Amino acid sequence: MTPIKYKSNNLYVEGLSVEKLADDNQTPFYCYSEKYIEDQYQALKSAFDMEAKIFYSMKANSNLSILKLLLNKGS
């Protein structure tokens, strides 16, 4: 299930208003859902019948927070 939803024409990520995030942070900014990334990683890992090692390409996204998150998940 996606963490990104519209409510009354306002965009929310994991229940947080993107408009409020923009007011509270310097813009432009990237907004990631840690739970969604973790859920997608787990879904990919569980799709294999055997123990699979998942490697993440830093060229795809070199954001250190995401790299640490995936490293902690076992990537």
PDB file of N, CA and C in Angstrom:
ATOM      1  N   MET A   1       0.840  -1.181   0.000  1.00  0.00           N
ATOM      2  CA  MET A   1       0.000   0.000   0.000  1.00  0.00           C
ATOM      3  C   MET A   1       0.885   1.245   0.000  1.00  0.00           C
ATOM      4  N   THR A   2       0.567   2.175  -0.836  1.00  0.00           N
ATOM      5  CA  THR A   2       1.385   3.374  -0.965  1.00  0.00           C
ATOM      6  C   THR A   2       1.183   4.316   0.225  1.00  0.00           C
ATOM      7  N   PRO A   3       2.250   4.927   0.707  1.00  0.00           N
ATOM      8  CA  PRO A   3       2.129   5.877   1.818  1.00  0.00           C
ATOM      9  C   PRO A   3       1.740   7.275   1.343  1.00  0.00           C
ATOM     10  N   ILE A   4       1.585   7.439   0.027  1.00  0.00           N
ATOM     11  CA  ILE A   4       1.287   8.754  -0.546  1.00  0.00           C
ATOM     12  C   ILE A   4      -0.196   8.812  -0.887  1.00  0.00           C
ATOM     13  N   LYS A   5      -0.889   9.793  -0.309  1.00  0.00           N
ATOM     14  CA  LYS A   5      -2.333   9.904  -0.513  1.00  0.00           C
ATOM     15  C   LYS A   5      -2.743  11.361  -0.595  1.00  0.00           C
ATOM     16  N   TYR A   6      -3.830  11.579  -1.299  1.00  0.00           N
ATOM     17  CA  TYR A   6      -4.471  12.897  -1.328  1.00  0.00           C
ATOM     18  C   TYR A   6      -5.663  12.873  -0.384  1.00  0.00           C
ATOM     19  N   LYS A   7      -5.783  13.911   0.431  1.00  0.00           N
ATOM     20  CA  LYS A   7      -6.951  14.108   1.287  1.00  0.00           C
ATOM     21  C   LYS A   7      -7.385  15.550   1.099  1.00  0.00           C
ATOM     22  N   SER A   8      -8.598  15.741   0.644  1.00  0.00           N
ATOM     23  CA  SER A   8      -9.144  17.096   0.428  1.00  0.00           C
ATOM     24  C   SER A   8      -8.201  17.956  -0.413  1.00  0.00           C
ATOM     25  N   ASN A   9      -7.718  17.388  -1.505  1.00  0.00           N
ATOM     26  CA  ASN A   9      -6.806  18.072  -2.437  1.00  0.00           C
ATOM     27  C   ASN A   9      -5.457  18.438  -1.838  1.00  0.00           C
ATOM     28  N   ASN A  10      -5.086  17.832  -0.713  1.00  0.00           N
ATOM     29  CA  ASN A  10      -3.768  18.045  -0.116  1.00  0.00           C
ATOM     30  C   ASN A  10      -3.005  16.731  -0.144  1.00  0.00           C
ATOM     31  N   LEU A  11      -1.716  16.812  -0.464  1.00  0.00           N
ATOM     32  CA  LEU A  11      -0.873  15.623  -0.564  1.00  0.00           C
ATOM     33  C   LEU A  11      -0.282  15.285   0.799  1.00  0.00           C
ATOM     34  N   TYR A  12      -0.357  13.995   1.153  1.00  0.00           N
ATOM     35  CA  TYR A  12       0.185  13.509   2.419  1.00  0.00           C
ATOM     36  C   TYR A  12       1.118  12.335   2.154  1.00  0.00           C
ATOM     37  N   VAL A  13       2.187  12.253   2.933  1.00  0.00           N
ATOM     38  CA  VAL A  13       3.097  11.111   2.902  1.00  0.00           C
ATOM     39  C   VAL A  13       3.159  10.572   4.327  1.00  0.00           C
ATOM     40  N   GLU A  14       2.754   9.314   4.488  1.00  0.00           N
ATOM     41  CA  GLU A  14       2.676   8.682   5.808  1.00  0.00           C
ATOM     42  C   GLU A  14       1.919   9.553   6.806  1.00  0.00           C
ATOM     43  N   GLY A  15       0.842  10.166   6.358  1.00  0.00           N
ATOM     44  CA  GLY A  15       0.017  10.980   7.231  1.00  0.00           C
ATOM     45  C   GLY A  15       0.528  12.383   7.481  1.00  0.00           C
ATOM     46  N   LEU A  16       1.680  12.724   6.910  1.00  0.00           N
ATOM     47  CA  LEU A  16       2.243  14.065   7.074  1.00  0.00           C
ATOM     48  C   LEU A  16       1.909  14.916   5.860  1.00  0.00           C
ATOM     49  N   SER A  17       1.459  16.115   6.102  1.00  0.00           N
ATOM     50  CA  SER A  17       1.124  17.040   5.028  1.00  0.00           C
ATOM     51  C   SER A  17       2.397  17.507   4.322  1.00  0.00           C
ATOM     52  N   VAL A  18       2.448  17.317   3.011  1.00  0.00           N
ATOM     53  CA  VAL A  18       3.607  17.775   2.242  1.00  0.00           C
ATOM     54  C   VAL A  18       3.683  19.302   2.277  1.00  0.00           C
ATOM     55  N   GLU A  19       2.538  19.951   2.321  1.00  0.00           N
ATOM     56  CA  GLU A  19       2.525  21.415   2.425  1.00  0.00           C
ATOM     57  C   GLU A  19       3.194  21.866   3.725  1.00  0.00           C
ATOM     58  N   LYS A  20       2.891  21.171   4.831  1.00  0.00           N
ATOM     59  CA  LYS A  20       3.526  21.507   6.117  1.00  0.00           C
ATOM     60  C   LYS A  20       5.014  21.204   6.071  1.00  0.00           C
ATOM     61  N   LEU A  21       5.388  20.084   5.465  1.00  0.00           N
ATOM     62  CA  LEU A  21       6.809  19.759   5.323  1.00  0.00           C
ATOM     63  C   LEU A  21       7.535  20.845   4.540  1.00  0.00           C
ATOM     64  N   ALA A  22       6.898  21.351   3.495  1.00  0.00           N
ATOM     65  CA  ALA A  22       7.499  22.416   2.684  1.00  0.00           C
ATOM     66  C   ALA A  22       7.614  23.709   3.479  1.00  0.00           C
ATOM     67  N   ASP A  23       6.641  23.971   4.345  1.00  0.00           N
ATOM     68  CA  ASP A  23       6.710  25.168   5.187  1.00  0.00           C
ATOM     69  C   ASP A  23       7.829  25.066   6.214  1.00  0.00           C
ATOM     70  N   ASP A  24       8.081  23.842   6.700  1.00  0.00           N
ATOM     71  CA  ASP A  24       9.060  23.627   7.766  1.00  0.00           C
ATOM     72  C   ASP A  24      10.473  23.369   7.262  1.00  0.00           C
ATOM     73  N   ASN A  25      10.643  23.152   5.963  1.00  0.00           N
ATOM     74  CA  ASN A  25      11.954  22.809   5.404  1.00  0.00           C
ATOM     75  C   ASN A  25      12.265  23.696   4.212  1.00  0.00           C
ATOM     76  N   GLN A  26      13.555  23.771   3.924  1.00  0.00           N
ATOM     77  CA  GLN A  26      13.978  24.509   2.735  1.00  0.00           C
ATOM     78  C   GLN A  26      13.511  23.738   1.500  1.00  0.00           C
ATOM     79  N   THR A  27      13.005  24.453   0.529  1.00  0.00           N
ATOM     80  CA  THR A  27      12.539  23.805  -0.693  1.00  0.00           C
ATOM     81  C   THR A  27      13.448  24.180  -1.853  1.00  0.00           C
ATOM     82  N   PRO A  28      13.533  23.345  -2.858  1.00  0.00           N
ATOM     83  CA  PRO A  28      12.884  22.040  -2.976  1.00  0.00           C
ATOM     84  C   PRO A  28      13.551  21.007  -2.062  1.00  0.00           C
ATOM     85  N   PHE A  29      12.838  19.930  -1.781  1.00  0.00           N
ATOM     86  CA  PHE A  29      13.368  18.862  -0.953  1.00  0.00           C
ATOM     87  C   PHE A  29      12.838  17.527  -1.456  1.00  0.00           C
ATOM     88  N   TYR A  30      13.521  16.463  -1.057  1.00  0.00           N
ATOM     89  CA  TYR A  30      13.064  15.109  -1.362  1.00  0.00           C
ATOM     90  C   TYR A  30      12.361  14.566  -0.130  1.00  0.00           C
ATOM     91  N   CYS A  31      11.283  13.861  -0.347  1.00  0.00           N
ATOM     92  CA  CYS A  31      10.521  13.262   0.749  1.00  0.00           C
ATOM     93  C   CYS A  31      10.432  11.759   0.485  1.00  0.00           C
ATOM     94  N   TYR A  32      11.016  10.976   1.364  1.00  0.00           N
ATOM     95  CA  TYR A  32      11.012   9.522   1.224  1.00  0.00           C
ATOM     96  C   TYR A  32      10.208   8.905   2.358  1.00  0.00           C
ATOM     97  N   SER A  33       9.595   7.768   2.090  1.00  0.00           N
ATOM     98  CA  SER A  33       8.903   7.002   3.116  1.00  0.00           C
ATOM     99  C   SER A  33       9.800   5.843   3.537  1.00  0.00           C
ATOM    100  N   GLU A  34      10.330   5.931   4.744  1.00  0.00           N
ATOM    101  CA  GLU A  34      11.198   4.875   5.255  1.00  0.00           C
ATOM    102  C   GLU A  34      10.443   3.546   5.318  1.00  0.00           C
ATOM    103  N   LYS A  35       9.214   3.583   5.800  1.00  0.00           N
ATOM    104  CA  LYS A  35       8.426   2.356   5.906  1.00  0.00           C
ATOM    105  C   LYS A  35       8.174   1.739   4.535  1.00  0.00           C
ATOM    106  N   TYR A  36       7.869   2.565   3.540  1.00  0.00           N
ATOM    107  CA  TYR A  36       7.609   2.049   2.196  1.00  0.00           C
ATOM    108  C   TYR A  36       8.876   1.412   1.606  1.00  0.00           C
ATOM    109  N   ILE A  37      10.012   2.051   1.800  1.00  0.00           N
ATOM    110  CA  ILE A  37      11.277   1.488   1.309  1.00  0.00           C
ATOM    111  C   ILE A  37      11.543   0.153   1.990  1.00  0.00           C
ATOM    112  N   GLU A  38      11.355   0.101   3.305  1.00  0.00           N
ATOM    113  CA  GLU A  38      11.555  -1.151   4.039  1.00  0.00           C
ATOM    114  C   GLU A  38      10.586  -2.235   3.562  1.00  0.00           C
ATOM    115  N   ASP A  39       9.325  -1.871   3.374  1.00  0.00           N
ATOM    116  CA  ASP A  39       8.324  -2.842   2.910  1.00  0.00           C
ATOM    117  C   ASP A  39       8.655  -3.368   1.518  1.00  0.00           C
ATOM    118  N   GLN A  40       9.087  -2.501   0.626  1.00  0.00           N
ATOM    119  CA  GLN A  40       9.435  -2.918  -0.737  1.00  0.00           C
ATOM    120  C   GLN A  40      10.682  -3.801  -0.735  1.00  0.00           C
ATOM    121  N   TYR A  41      11.649  -3.468   0.110  1.00  0.00           N
ATOM    122  CA  TYR A  41      12.852  -4.298   0.239  1.00  0.00           C
ATOM    123  C   TYR A  41      12.453  -5.699   0.715  1.00  0.00           C
ATOM    124  N   GLN A  42      11.604  -5.754   1.743  1.00  0.00           N
ATOM    125  CA  GLN A  42      11.185  -7.046   2.285  1.00  0.00           C
ATOM    126  C   GLN A  42      10.382  -7.842   1.263  1.00  0.00           C
ATOM    127  N   ALA A  43       9.534  -7.177   0.496  1.00  0.00           N
ATOM    128  CA  ALA A  43       8.756  -7.858  -0.542  1.00  0.00           C
ATOM    129  C   ALA A  43       9.676  -8.454  -1.603  1.00  0.00           C
ATOM    130  N   LEU A  44      10.694  -7.714  -1.996  1.00  0.00           N
ATOM    131  CA  LEU A  44      11.652  -8.226  -2.975  1.00  0.00           C
ATOM    132  C   LEU A  44      12.412  -9.413  -2.407  1.00  0.00           C
ATOM    133  N   LYS A  45      12.877  -9.283  -1.175  1.00  0.00           N
ATOM    134  CA  LYS A  45      13.645 -10.357  -0.550  1.00  0.00           C
ATOM    135  C   LYS A  45      12.804 -11.627  -0.396  1.00  0.00           C
ATOM    136  N   SER A  46      11.542 -11.471  -0.022  1.00  0.00           N
ATOM    137  CA  SER A  46      10.694 -12.648   0.193  1.00  0.00           C
ATOM    138  C   SER A  46      10.188 -13.255  -1.118  1.00  0.00           C
ATOM    139  N   ALA A  47      10.428 -12.602  -2.240  1.00  0.00           N
ATOM    140  CA  ALA A  47       9.999 -13.133  -3.535  1.00  0.00           C
ATOM    141  C   ALA A  47      10.867 -14.302  -3.994  1.00  0.00           C
ATOM    142  N   PHE A  48      12.017 -14.488  -3.360  1.00  0.00           N
ATOM    143  CA  PHE A  48      12.924 -15.565  -3.732  1.00  0.00           C
ATOM    144  C   PHE A  48      12.721 -16.763  -2.815  1.00  0.00           C
ATOM    145  N   ASP A  49      12.786 -17.979  -3.400  1.00  0.00           N
ATOM    146  CA  ASP A  49      12.640 -19.201  -2.612  1.00  0.00           C
ATOM    147  C   ASP A  49      13.876 -19.485  -1.770  1.00  0.00           C
ATOM    148  N   MET A  50      14.992 -18.950  -2.189  1.00  0.00           N
ATOM    149  CA  MET A  50      16.242 -19.193  -1.470  1.00  0.00           C
ATOM    150  C   MET A  50      16.711 -17.892  -0.819  1.00  0.00           C
ATOM    151  N   GLU A  51      17.709 -18.004   0.006  1.00  0.00           N
ATOM    152  CA  GLU A  51      18.308 -16.822   0.632  1.00  0.00           C
ATOM    153  C   GLU A  51      19.038 -16.035  -0.450  1.00  0.00           C
ATOM    154  N   ALA A  52      18.556 -14.858  -0.736  1.00  0.00           N
ATOM    155  CA  ALA A  52      19.150 -14.026  -1.790  1.00  0.00           C
ATOM    156  C   ALA A  52      19.775 -12.789  -1.166  1.00  0.00           C
ATOM    157  N   LYS A  53      20.911 -12.408  -1.668  1.00  0.00           N
ATOM    158  CA  LYS A  53      21.572 -11.179  -1.232  1.00  0.00           C
ATOM    159  C   LYS A  53      21.182 -10.086  -2.217  1.00  0.00           C
ATOM    160  N   ILE A  54      20.616  -9.006  -1.712  1.00  0.00           N
ATOM    161  CA  ILE A  54      20.171  -7.904  -2.559  1.00  0.00           C
ATOM    162  C   ILE A  54      21.201  -6.790  -2.483  1.00  0.00           C
ATOM    163  N   PHE A  55      21.661  -6.368  -3.643  1.00  0.00           N
ATOM    164  CA  PHE A  55      22.640  -5.284  -3.716  1.00  0.00           C
ATOM    165  C   PHE A  55      21.959  -4.040  -4.263  1.00  0.00           C
ATOM    166  N   TYR A  56      22.314  -2.906  -3.704  1.00  0.00           N
ATOM    167  CA  TYR A  56      21.708  -1.633  -4.090  1.00  0.00           C
ATOM    168  C   TYR A  56      22.734  -0.793  -4.838  1.00  0.00           C
ATOM    169  N   SER A  57      22.328  -0.239  -5.960  1.00  0.00           N
ATOM    170  CA  SER A  57      23.226   0.574  -6.774  1.00  0.00           C
ATOM    171  C   SER A  57      23.239   2.018  -6.286  1.00  0.00           C
ATOM    172  N   MET A  58      24.405   2.497  -5.899  1.00  0.00           N
ATOM    173  CA  MET A  58      24.531   3.887  -5.456  1.00  0.00           C
ATOM    174  C   MET A  58      24.288   4.853  -6.601  1.00  0.00           C
ATOM    175  N   LYS A  59      24.449   4.387  -7.839  1.00  0.00           N
ATOM    176  CA  LYS A  59      24.149   5.256  -8.980  1.00  0.00           C
ATOM    177  C   LYS A  59      22.654   5.546  -9.052  1.00  0.00           C
ATOM    178  N   ALA A  60      21.841   4.619  -8.563  1.00  0.00           N
ATOM    179  CA  ALA A  60      20.392   4.816  -8.575  1.00  0.00           C
ATOM    180  C   ALA A  60      19.990   5.934  -7.621  1.00  0.00           C
ATOM    181  N   ASN A  61      20.643   5.995  -6.479  1.00  0.00           N
ATOM    182  CA  ASN A  61      20.351   7.027  -5.481  1.00  0.00           C
ATOM    183  C   ASN A  61      21.441   6.958  -4.418  1.00  0.00           C
ATOM    184  N   SER A  62      22.223   7.995  -4.290  1.00  0.00           N
ATOM    185  CA  SER A  62      23.340   7.983  -3.341  1.00  0.00           C
ATOM    186  C   SER A  62      22.997   8.673  -2.020  1.00  0.00           C
ATOM    187  N   ASN A  63      21.717   8.812  -1.718  1.00  0.00           N
ATOM    188  CA  ASN A  63      21.285   9.421  -0.460  1.00  0.00           C
ATOM    189  C   ASN A  63      21.781   8.565   0.707  1.00  0.00           C
ATOM    190  N   LEU A  64      22.593   9.159   1.584  1.00  0.00           N
ATOM    191  CA  LEU A  64      23.207   8.393   2.672  1.00  0.00           C
ATOM    192  C   LEU A  64      22.181   7.788   3.626  1.00  0.00           C
ATOM    193  N   SER A  65      21.093   8.479   3.865  1.00  0.00           N
ATOM    194  CA  SER A  65      20.064   7.940   4.767  1.00  0.00           C
ATOM    195  C   SER A  65      19.438   6.676   4.189  1.00  0.00           C
ATOM    196  N   ILE A  66      19.195   6.680   2.896  1.00  0.00           N
ATOM    197  CA  ILE A  66      18.621   5.492   2.251  1.00  0.00           C
ATOM    198  C   ILE A  66      19.650   4.369   2.203  1.00  0.00           C
ATOM    199  N   LEU A  67      20.890   4.712   1.926  1.00  0.00           N
ATOM    200  CA  LEU A  67      21.944   3.696   1.919  1.00  0.00           C
ATOM    201  C   LEU A  67      22.066   3.032   3.286  1.00  0.00           C
ATOM    202  N   LYS A  68      22.037   3.818   4.357  1.00  0.00           N
ATOM    203  CA  LYS A  68      22.116   3.265   5.715  1.00  0.00           C
ATOM    204  C   LYS A  68      20.897   2.402   6.023  1.00  0.00           C
ATOM    205  N   LEU A  69      19.728   2.861   5.611  1.00  0.00           N
ATOM    206  CA  LEU A  69      18.501   2.101   5.832  1.00  0.00           C
ATOM    207  C   LEU A  69      18.596   0.729   5.170  1.00  0.00           C
ATOM    208  N   LEU A  70      19.016   0.700   3.907  1.00  0.00           N
ATOM    209  CA  LEU A  70      19.124  -0.568   3.188  1.00  0.00           C
ATOM    210  C   LEU A  70      20.253  -1.436   3.737  1.00  0.00           C
ATOM    211  N   LEU A  71      21.329  -0.819   4.168  1.00  0.00           N
ATOM    212  CA  LEU A  71      22.421  -1.571   4.785  1.00  0.00           C
ATOM    213  C   LEU A  71      21.930  -2.257   6.055  1.00  0.00           C
ATOM    214  N   ASN A  72      21.162  -1.535   6.857  1.00  0.00           N
ATOM    215  CA  ASN A  72      20.622  -2.108   8.091  1.00  0.00           C
ATOM    216  C   ASN A  72      19.617  -3.224   7.823  1.00  0.00           C
ATOM    217  N   LYS A  73      18.978  -3.214   6.657  1.00  0.00           N
ATOM    218  CA  LYS A  73      18.049  -4.279   6.286  1.00  0.00           C
ATOM    219  C   LYS A  73      18.780  -5.505   5.735  1.00  0.00           C
ATOM    220  N   GLY A  74      20.078  -5.345   5.428  1.00  0.00           N
ATOM    221  CA  GLY A  74      20.855  -6.473   4.940  1.00  0.00           C
ATOM    222  C   GLY A  74      21.314  -6.359   3.505  1.00  0.00           C
ATOM    223  N   SER A  75      21.056  -5.241   2.863  1.00  0.00           N
ATOM    224  CA  SER A  75      21.456  -5.060   1.468  1.00  0.00           C
ATOM    225  C   SER A  75      22.942  -4.767   1.396  1.00  0.00           C
TER     226      SER A  75
END
